[in-house]
Structures are given as structure tokens and as C-alpha cells.
Amino acid sequence: MADFSEFTANLPARTTASEAPIPFARPGNLAAIIGRIEEVVEEETAGIRNATNYDLKASNARKSRYLYELTRAMKGGSEAEFLEQHREGLTRLRQKLAKNEAAILAHLSAVNEVATLLRHAIQRSQTDGTYSAGEFGWAKT
């Protein structure tokens, strides 16, 4: 295949991996990204606990975008170096994620409980017991 055509005239020249190493992002950039992730996790935790109409979909989109930014910023660097430089931020983030997980689990538990109550109410409203298997002793509960 040709490297040049009428469609590639305005594109930058291709480089090979050895010609263009990906530099490790500056530590400040990583700290800023970690800070943004912390903020969105705190906001989500507060929203789940306090707001009945909190937009989880938008929150998940922000978290995904920030995690993508973090992954891109870490490219080309060593994980050990990253962990060493950002230990405090990562520790704070881990604590906030634990609180977020507890809030999400409590929310899911409440949703499950409400769904169970609704299911039972619907089942009771749809039967009057006249022709149910339980009336004849056939139902196993």
C-alpha cells in the first residue's frame, strides 16, 4: 500500500513506535485527574444519599471519562512510579470509593425492597383466591 495518496495529503506523517515514544505525563496532571475523580465520586455519593432524582447515568459518564484520562496520562510510565508519587491521593480516592460503594449498595437494597413490595402488592391484587391452586391444597410454598 502506498504511504501517500490524495486522501492522506493533509494528514501528519506516520511515525513508528521507536520514533515517537509516549512521554510519561507530568505528576501534576495525574494529581489533577485523581482530584477530578475524587470530586465526581463525592458528588455521586452525596447525590445518592440525598437527592431522589440524581442522574446516575451522567455521573457514570463523567467517571468513565476521567478514568480514560487517567489511563491515557499513565501511558508510558511505570505503575510503581505512579503509585509512589500519588500514594496520598490514591488513599483518599480509595476511602471515597468505599463510601460510594456503601451508598450504592444501600440504594440498591432499598430499590430491591421497594420492588419486592410492589411485586407482592400486584400479586395480591390480581388474585382473589377463588381459583388459586392454594385454595385446593396443590400449591407448594
Protein backbone atom coordinates (compact mmCIF):
# COMPACT_ATOMS: atom_id res chain seq x y z
CA MET A 1 0.00 0.00 0.00
CA ALA A 2 1.24 3.48 -0.76
CA ASP A 3 2.05 5.81 2.10
CA PHE A 4 0.77 8.80 0.16
CA SER A 5 -2.47 9.33 -1.69
CA GLU A 6 -4.85 12.14 -2.48
CA PHE A 7 -6.72 11.31 0.77
CA THR A 8 -3.69 11.46 3.05
CA ALA A 9 -2.11 14.68 1.75
CA ASN A 10 -3.32 16.76 4.73
CA LEU A 11 -2.64 14.16 7.40
CA PRO A 12 0.51 14.22 9.54
CA ALA A 13 3.25 11.80 8.60
CA ARG A 14 3.16 8.39 10.26
CA THR A 15 5.74 7.59 12.87
CA THR A 16 6.86 4.27 14.21
CA ALA A 17 6.85 3.38 17.88
CA SER A 18 10.63 3.81 18.14
CA GLU A 19 10.48 7.29 16.59
CA ALA A 20 7.79 8.67 18.85
CA PRO A 21 7.89 7.35 22.41
CA ILE A 22 4.96 8.35 24.56
CA PRO A 23 6.25 10.57 27.35
CA PHE A 24 5.07 9.90 30.88
CA ALA A 25 2.57 12.55 31.94
CA ARG A 26 3.68 15.14 34.43
CA PRO A 27 2.79 14.29 38.04
CA GLY A 28 0.66 17.44 38.30
CA ASN A 29 -1.59 16.22 35.52
CA LEU A 30 -2.12 12.90 37.27
CA ALA A 31 -2.85 14.64 40.57
CA ALA A 32 -5.44 16.84 38.84
CA ILE A 33 -7.10 13.83 37.23
CA ILE A 34 -7.19 11.97 40.56
CA GLY A 35 -8.71 15.10 42.13
CA ARG A 36 -11.44 15.24 39.48
CA ILE A 37 -12.23 11.57 40.06
CA GLU A 38 -12.45 12.24 43.79
CA GLU A 39 -14.84 15.14 43.20
CA VAL A 40 -17.18 13.16 40.97
CA VAL A 41 -17.21 10.22 43.41
CA GLU A 42 -18.00 12.55 46.34
CA GLU A 43 -20.75 14.23 44.31
CA GLU A 44 -22.25 10.87 43.37
CA THR A 45 -22.17 9.64 46.98
CA ALA A 46 -23.93 12.79 48.19
CA GLY A 47 -26.41 12.62 45.33
CA ILE A 48 -27.32 9.02 46.03
CA ARG A 49 -27.77 9.71 49.73
CA ASN A 50 -29.68 12.99 49.45
CA ALA A 51 -31.29 13.52 46.04
CA THR A 52 -34.15 11.39 44.81
CA ASN A 53 -33.60 12.45 41.21
CA TYR A 54 -29.80 12.22 40.99
CA ASP A 55 -28.59 11.47 37.44
CA LEU A 56 -26.51 8.29 37.80
CA LYS A 57 -26.08 7.98 34.04
CA ALA A 58 -24.37 11.37 33.78
CA SER A 59 -22.23 10.59 36.82
CA ASN A 60 -21.12 7.27 35.32
CA ALA A 61 -20.24 9.05 32.06
CA ARG A 62 -18.05 11.55 33.95
CA LYS A 63 -16.33 8.78 35.92
CA SER A 64 -15.67 6.82 32.74
CA ARG A 65 -14.21 9.90 31.03
CA TYR A 66 -11.91 10.66 33.97
CA LEU A 67 -10.75 7.05 34.23
CA TYR A 68 -9.99 7.14 30.50
CA GLU A 69 -7.98 10.35 31.03
CA LEU A 70 -6.09 8.70 33.87
CA THR A 71 -5.29 5.66 31.73
CA ARG A 72 -4.05 7.87 28.89
CA ALA A 73 -1.97 10.02 31.24
CA MET A 74 -0.28 6.94 32.70
CA LYS A 75 0.76 5.54 29.32
CA GLY A 76 4.50 5.25 29.02
CA GLY A 77 5.16 5.41 32.74
CA SER A 78 5.75 2.81 35.35
CA GLU A 79 2.99 1.78 37.70
CA ALA A 80 5.39 1.71 40.65
CA GLU A 81 6.43 5.29 39.99
CA PHE A 82 2.79 6.36 39.72
CA LEU A 83 1.88 4.63 43.00
CA GLU A 84 4.84 6.17 44.79
CA GLN A 85 4.15 9.71 43.59
CA HIS A 86 0.40 9.63 44.21
CA ARG A 87 0.05 7.41 47.26
CA GLU A 88 -1.84 10.02 49.33
CA GLY A 89 -4.29 10.88 46.54
CA LEU A 90 -4.93 7.23 45.81
CA THR A 91 -5.51 6.51 49.50
CA ARG A 92 -8.07 9.34 49.69
CA LEU A 93 -9.71 8.10 46.50
CA ARG A 94 -9.92 4.56 47.86
CA GLN A 95 -11.65 5.81 51.03
CA LYS A 96 -14.13 7.85 48.99
CA LEU A 97 -14.80 4.87 46.73
CA ALA A 98 -15.54 2.71 49.79
CA LYS A 99 -18.11 5.28 51.00
CA ASN A 100 -19.54 5.46 47.46
CA GLU A 101 -19.85 1.68 47.32
CA ALA A 102 -21.69 1.62 50.65
CA ALA A 103 -24.12 4.30 49.41
CA ILE A 104 -24.72 2.43 46.13
CA LEU A 105 -25.31 -0.87 47.96
CA ALA A 106 -27.77 0.81 50.35
CA HIS A 107 -29.56 2.39 47.38
CA LEU A 108 -29.77 -0.94 45.54
CA SER A 109 -31.02 -2.66 48.66
CA ALA A 110 -33.77 -0.06 49.06
CA VAL A 111 -34.73 -0.37 45.38
CA ASN A 112 -34.87 -4.16 45.73
CA GLU A 113 -37.06 -3.87 48.83
CA VAL A 114 -39.49 -1.49 47.10
CA ALA A 115 -39.61 -3.75 44.02
CA THR A 116 -40.41 -6.75 46.23
CA LEU A 117 -43.21 -4.85 47.97
CA LEU A 118 -44.67 -3.80 44.61
CA ARG A 119 -44.45 -7.34 43.24
CA HIS A 120 -46.30 -8.71 46.27
CA ALA A 121 -48.95 -5.99 46.04
CA ILE A 122 -49.52 -6.73 42.35
CA GLN A 123 -49.78 -10.45 43.02
CA ARG A 124 -52.31 -9.88 45.81
CA SER A 125 -54.39 -7.53 43.67
CA GLN A 126 -54.54 -9.96 40.76
CA THR A 127 -55.85 -12.88 42.75
CA ASP A 128 -58.89 -13.12 44.91
CA GLY A 129 -58.19 -16.69 45.98
CA THR A 130 -61.24 -18.15 44.30
CA TYR A 131 -59.47 -20.30 41.75
CA SER A 132 -55.93 -20.41 43.05
CA ALA A 133 -54.05 -23.67 43.49
CA GLY A 134 -53.51 -22.78 47.13
CA GLU A 135 -57.22 -22.98 47.80
CA PHE A 136 -57.25 -26.62 46.76
CA GLY A 137 -54.06 -27.59 48.58
CA TRP A 138 -51.98 -28.07 45.42
CA ALA A 139 -49.63 -25.14 45.79
CA LYS A 140 -46.29 -25.70 47.37
CA THR A 141 -44.98 -22.65 49.20
